[in-house]
Amino acid sequence: MNIRTPMCLALAVPLFAAACSDDAGSSGDVTAQDVKNETSEALGAMGDLASQTKDQIVNEFEKQYEKIKPRIEQLKASAKTMSADARVELQEQIDALKEKQGVFEKRLTEIKAASGDAWKELSAGTKSAWDDLERTFTNATSEFSKVGADKK
């Protein structure tokens, strides 16, 4: 197995953590710029995390996932306060987030159930699912900001 796979996985978790941190703005809204800024900060602070164990990586994924779930709920609640046209546009983003959440949850379950070193093989799929969820969350946040400003 390539040494880059666990390293990439180890790097993805703190990056997403920065994107989902609770201090992303005084109003509670997260912008795409907030995500970019916090990701840059996390990159600067990170060391070599490739030596993490399965439990450490799973725990970190779970911790960060627990942070994003309320943010997704916050986006859903924000959509409810917008015009009907805006809600229709934003429903696509919400649906995409739900789909990516499901895929990530499945991958996380698989990596948790893996025995021996099999988790290392599954880490690429988990990282990919995490990256998709992160990207979808960032896109949804950006879209919510645009639509909210235009149609609230």
C-alpha atoms as a PDB file:
ATOM      1  CA  MET A   1       0.000   0.000   0.000  1.00  0.00           C
ATOM      2  CA  ASN A   2       1.150   3.474  -0.744  1.00  0.00           C
ATOM      3  CA  ILE A   3       2.332   5.506   2.292  1.00  0.00           C
ATOM      4  CA  ARG A   4       0.502   8.535   0.917  1.00  0.00           C
ATOM      5  CA  THR A   5      -2.946   7.069   1.576  1.00  0.00           C
ATOM      6  CA  PRO A   6      -2.794   7.196   5.409  1.00  0.00           C
ATOM      7  CA  MET A   7      -0.960  10.504   5.213  1.00  0.00           C
ATOM      8  CA  CYS A   8      -3.642  12.030   2.986  1.00  0.00           C
ATOM      9  CA  LEU A   9      -6.305  10.708   5.310  1.00  0.00           C
ATOM     10  CA  ALA A  10      -4.509  12.133   8.290  1.00  0.00           C
ATOM     11  CA  LEU A  11      -4.273  15.507   6.563  1.00  0.00           C
ATOM     12  CA  ALA A  12      -7.916  15.594   5.492  1.00  0.00           C
ATOM     13  CA  VAL A  13      -9.366  15.326   8.979  1.00  0.00           C
ATOM     14  CA  PRO A  14      -7.697  18.438  10.457  1.00  0.00           C
ATOM     15  CA  LEU A  15      -8.467  20.377   7.277  1.00  0.00           C
ATOM     16  CA  PHE A  16     -12.124  19.583   7.579  1.00  0.00           C
ATOM     17  CA  ALA A  17     -11.963  20.354  11.271  1.00  0.00           C
ATOM     18  CA  ALA A  18     -10.804  23.832  10.416  1.00  0.00           C
ATOM     19  CA  ALA A  19     -13.602  24.220   7.927  1.00  0.00           C
ATOM     20  CA  CYS A  20     -16.179  23.229  10.515  1.00  0.00           C
ATOM     21  CA  SER A  21     -14.845  25.015  13.584  1.00  0.00           C
ATOM     22  CA  ASP A  22     -17.379  26.841  15.710  1.00  0.00           C
ATOM     23  CA  ASP A  23     -15.690  30.226  15.564  1.00  0.00           C
ATOM     24  CA  ALA A  24     -16.300  30.854  11.849  1.00  0.00           C
ATOM     25  CA  GLY A  25     -18.099  34.137  12.232  1.00  0.00           C
ATOM     26  CA  SER A  26     -20.022  36.053  14.798  1.00  0.00           C
ATOM     27  CA  SER A  27     -23.410  35.415  13.202  1.00  0.00           C
ATOM     28  CA  GLY A  28     -22.923  31.642  13.068  1.00  0.00           C
ATOM     29  CA  ASP A  29     -22.981  31.617   9.263  1.00  0.00           C
ATOM     30  CA  VAL A  30     -20.031  29.993   7.565  1.00  0.00           C
ATOM     31  CA  THR A  31     -18.823  31.432   4.296  1.00  0.00           C
ATOM     32  CA  ALA A  32     -16.631  29.845   1.675  1.00  0.00           C
ATOM     33  CA  GLN A  33     -13.933  32.365   2.602  1.00  0.00           C
ATOM     34  CA  ASP A  34     -14.117  31.231   6.255  1.00  0.00           C
ATOM     35  CA  VAL A  35     -13.526  27.662   5.124  1.00  0.00           C
ATOM     36  CA  LYS A  36     -10.577  28.682   2.945  1.00  0.00           C
ATOM     37  CA  ASN A  37      -9.004  30.784   5.712  1.00  0.00           C
ATOM     38  CA  GLU A  38      -9.335  28.124   8.374  1.00  0.00           C
ATOM     39  CA  THR A  39      -8.064  25.405   6.048  1.00  0.00           C
ATOM     40  CA  SER A  40      -4.948  27.471   5.369  1.00  0.00           C
ATOM     41  CA  GLU A  41      -4.406  27.932   9.101  1.00  0.00           C
ATOM     42  CA  ALA A  42      -4.778  24.209   9.728  1.00  0.00           C
ATOM     43  CA  LEU A  43      -2.239  23.375   7.009  1.00  0.00           C
ATOM     44  CA  GLY A  44       0.288  25.673   8.607  1.00  0.00           C
ATOM     45  CA  ALA A  45      -0.180  24.095  12.038  1.00  0.00           C
ATOM     46  CA  MET A  46      -0.085  20.458  11.005  1.00  0.00           C
ATOM     47  CA  GLY A  47       2.837  18.163  11.518  1.00  0.00           C
ATOM     48  CA  ASP A  48       3.446  14.630  10.311  1.00  0.00           C
ATOM     49  CA  LEU A  49       0.241  12.737  11.155  1.00  0.00           C
ATOM     50  CA  ALA A  50       0.926   9.646   9.066  1.00  0.00           C
ATOM     51  CA  SER A  51       1.660   7.554  12.142  1.00  0.00           C
ATOM     52  CA  GLN A  52      -1.907   7.718  13.454  1.00  0.00           C
ATOM     53  CA  THR A  53      -3.608   4.461  14.290  1.00  0.00           C
ATOM     54  CA  LYS A  54      -6.984   3.247  13.084  1.00  0.00           C
ATOM     55  CA  ASP A  55      -8.635   4.262  16.353  1.00  0.00           C
ATOM     56  CA  GLN A  56      -7.096   7.723  16.255  1.00  0.00           C
ATOM     57  CA  ILE A  57      -8.236   8.326  12.695  1.00  0.00           C
ATOM     58  CA  VAL A  58     -11.731   6.933  13.297  1.00  0.00           C
ATOM     59  CA  ASN A  59     -12.069   9.025  16.447  1.00  0.00           C
ATOM     60  CA  GLU A  60     -10.960  12.137  14.605  1.00  0.00           C
ATOM     61  CA  PHE A  61     -13.400  11.486  11.753  1.00  0.00           C
ATOM     62  CA  GLU A  62     -16.219  10.925  14.235  1.00  0.00           C
ATOM     63  CA  LYS A  63     -15.346  14.065  16.176  1.00  0.00           C
ATOM     64  CA  GLN A  64     -15.331  16.218  13.064  1.00  0.00           C
ATOM     65  CA  TYR A  65     -18.433  14.580  11.661  1.00  0.00           C
ATOM     66  CA  GLU A  66     -20.275  15.414  14.870  1.00  0.00           C
ATOM     67  CA  LYS A  67     -19.309  19.047  14.256  1.00  0.00           C
ATOM     68  CA  ILE A  68     -20.664  19.165  10.715  1.00  0.00           C
ATOM     69  CA  LYS A  69     -24.026  17.564  11.423  1.00  0.00           C
ATOM     70  CA  PRO A  70     -25.409  20.598  13.318  1.00  0.00           C
ATOM     71  CA  ARG A  71     -24.075  22.888  10.603  1.00  0.00           C
ATOM     72  CA  ILE A  72     -26.048  20.948   8.011  1.00  0.00           C
ATOM     73  CA  GLU A  73     -29.122  21.290  10.221  1.00  0.00           C
ATOM     74  CA  GLN A  74     -28.378  25.001  10.469  1.00  0.00           C
ATOM     75  CA  LEU A  75     -28.373  25.248   6.665  1.00  0.00           C
ATOM     76  CA  LYS A  76     -31.703  23.421   6.534  1.00  0.00           C
ATOM     77  CA  ALA A  77     -33.182  25.808   9.093  1.00  0.00           C
ATOM     78  CA  SER A  78     -31.863  28.795   7.134  1.00  0.00           C
ATOM     79  CA  ALA A  79     -33.577  27.514   4.004  1.00  0.00           C
ATOM     80  CA  LYS A  80     -36.909  27.470   5.822  1.00  0.00           C
ATOM     81  CA  THR A  81     -36.687  31.217   6.433  1.00  0.00           C
ATOM     82  CA  MET A  82     -36.132  32.044   2.766  1.00  0.00           C
ATOM     83  CA  SER A  83     -38.581  32.599  -0.041  1.00  0.00           C
ATOM     84  CA  ALA A  84     -40.207  29.642  -1.788  1.00  0.00           C
ATOM     85  CA  ASP A  85     -37.990  30.135  -4.861  1.00  0.00           C
ATOM     86  CA  ALA A  86     -34.863  30.156  -2.731  1.00  0.00           C
ATOM     87  CA  ARG A  87     -35.964  27.024  -0.871  1.00  0.00           C
ATOM     88  CA  VAL A  88     -36.403  25.181  -4.173  1.00  0.00           C
ATOM     89  CA  GLU A  89     -32.878  26.137  -5.257  1.00  0.00           C
ATOM     90  CA  LEU A  90     -31.399  25.194  -1.908  1.00  0.00           C
ATOM     91  CA  GLN A  91     -33.170  21.850  -1.673  1.00  0.00           C
ATOM     92  CA  GLU A  92     -30.750  20.490  -4.260  1.00  0.00           C
ATOM     93  CA  GLN A  93     -27.853  21.427  -1.982  1.00  0.00           C
ATOM     94  CA  ILE A  94     -29.568  19.860   1.022  1.00  0.00           C
ATOM     95  CA  ASP A  95     -30.258  16.658  -0.919  1.00  0.00           C
ATOM     96  CA  ALA A  96     -26.616  16.489  -2.022  1.00  0.00           C
ATOM     97  CA  LEU A  97     -25.475  16.909   1.572  1.00  0.00           C
ATOM     98  CA  LYS A  98     -27.769  14.103   2.733  1.00  0.00           C
ATOM     99  CA  GLU A  99     -26.403  11.813   0.033  1.00  0.00           C
ATOM    100  CA  LYS A 100     -22.777  12.585   0.914  1.00  0.00           C
ATOM    101  CA  GLN A 101     -23.528  12.101   4.602  1.00  0.00           C
ATOM    102  CA  GLY A 102     -24.919   8.649   3.883  1.00  0.00           C
ATOM    103  CA  VAL A 103     -21.891   7.626   1.853  1.00  0.00           C
ATOM    104  CA  PHE A 104     -19.511   8.899   4.515  1.00  0.00           C
ATOM    105  CA  GLU A 105     -21.417   7.152   7.306  1.00  0.00           C
ATOM    106  CA  LYS A 106     -21.239   3.878   5.358  1.00  0.00           C
ATOM    107  CA  ARG A 107     -17.490   4.232   4.776  1.00  0.00           C
ATOM    108  CA  LEU A 108     -16.878   5.121   8.407  1.00  0.00           C
ATOM    109  CA  THR A 109     -18.831   2.045   9.509  1.00  0.00           C
ATOM    110  CA  GLU A 110     -16.734  -0.108   7.169  1.00  0.00           C
ATOM    111  CA  ILE A 111     -13.425   1.238   8.428  1.00  0.00           C
ATOM    112  CA  LYS A 112     -14.538   0.800  12.055  1.00  0.00           C
ATOM    113  CA  ALA A 113     -15.486  -2.835  11.403  1.00  0.00           C
ATOM    114  CA  ALA A 114     -12.246  -3.648   9.567  1.00  0.00           C
ATOM    115  CA  SER A 115      -9.839  -5.997  11.259  1.00  0.00           C
ATOM    116  CA  GLY A 116      -6.080  -6.001  11.259  1.00  0.00           C
ATOM    117  CA  ASP A 117      -4.561  -3.736   8.662  1.00  0.00           C
ATOM    118  CA  ALA A 118      -7.617  -3.882   6.381  1.00  0.00           C
ATOM    119  CA  TRP A 119      -8.607  -0.420   7.606  1.00  0.00           C
ATOM    120  CA  LYS A 120      -5.614   0.989   5.741  1.00  0.00           C
ATOM    121  CA  GLU A 121      -7.092  -0.274   2.477  1.00  0.00           C
ATOM    122  CA  LEU A 122     -10.474   1.218   3.367  1.00  0.00           C
ATOM    123  CA  SER A 123      -9.006   4.551   4.363  1.00  0.00           C
ATOM    124  CA  ALA A 124      -8.853   5.773   0.762  1.00  0.00           C
ATOM    125  CA  GLY A 125     -12.608   5.268   0.327  1.00  0.00           C
ATOM    126  CA  THR A 126     -13.310   6.920   3.665  1.00  0.00           C
ATOM    127  CA  LYS A 127     -11.082   9.852   2.781  1.00  0.00           C
ATOM    128  CA  SER A 128     -12.783  10.182  -0.589  1.00  0.00           C
ATOM    129  CA  ALA A 129     -16.211  10.178   1.046  1.00  0.00           C
ATOM    130  CA  TRP A 130     -14.983  12.755   3.566  1.00  0.00           C
ATOM    131  CA  ASP A 131     -13.584  14.950   0.795  1.00  0.00           C
ATOM    132  CA  ASP A 132     -16.905  14.734  -1.071  1.00  0.00           C
ATOM    133  CA  LEU A 133     -18.824  15.678   2.053  1.00  0.00           C
ATOM    134  CA  GLU A 134     -16.454  18.556   2.761  1.00  0.00           C
ATOM    135  CA  ARG A 135     -16.676  19.835  -0.812  1.00  0.00           C
ATOM    136  CA  THR A 136     -20.465  19.543  -0.844  1.00  0.00           C
ATOM    137  CA  PHE A 137     -20.715  21.343   2.494  1.00  0.00           C
ATOM    138  CA  THR A 138     -18.480  24.157   1.229  1.00  0.00           C
ATOM    139  CA  ASN A 139     -20.494  24.435  -1.988  1.00  0.00           C
ATOM    140  CA  ALA A 140     -23.780  24.401  -0.098  1.00  0.00           C
ATOM    141  CA  THR A 141     -22.565  27.080   2.294  1.00  0.00           C
ATOM    142  CA  SER A 142     -21.495  29.239  -0.614  1.00  0.00           C
ATOM    143  CA  GLU A 143     -24.777  28.678  -2.457  1.00  0.00           C
ATOM    144  CA  PHE A 144     -26.794  29.425   0.668  1.00  0.00           C
ATOM    145  CA  SER A 145     -24.888  32.681   1.073  1.00  0.00           C
ATOM    146  CA  LYS A 146     -25.543  33.701  -2.552  1.00  0.00           C
ATOM    147  CA  VAL A 147     -29.192  32.678  -2.603  1.00  0.00           C
ATOM    148  CA  GLY A 148     -29.804  34.092   0.862  1.00  0.00           C
ATOM    149  CA  ALA A 149     -28.448  37.469  -0.153  1.00  0.00           C
ATOM    150  CA  ASP A 150     -30.506  37.489  -3.356  1.00  0.00           C
ATOM    151  CA  LYS A 151     -33.820  36.030  -2.224  1.00  0.00           C
ATOM    152  CA  LYS A 152     -34.305  36.425   1.468  1.00  0.00           C
END
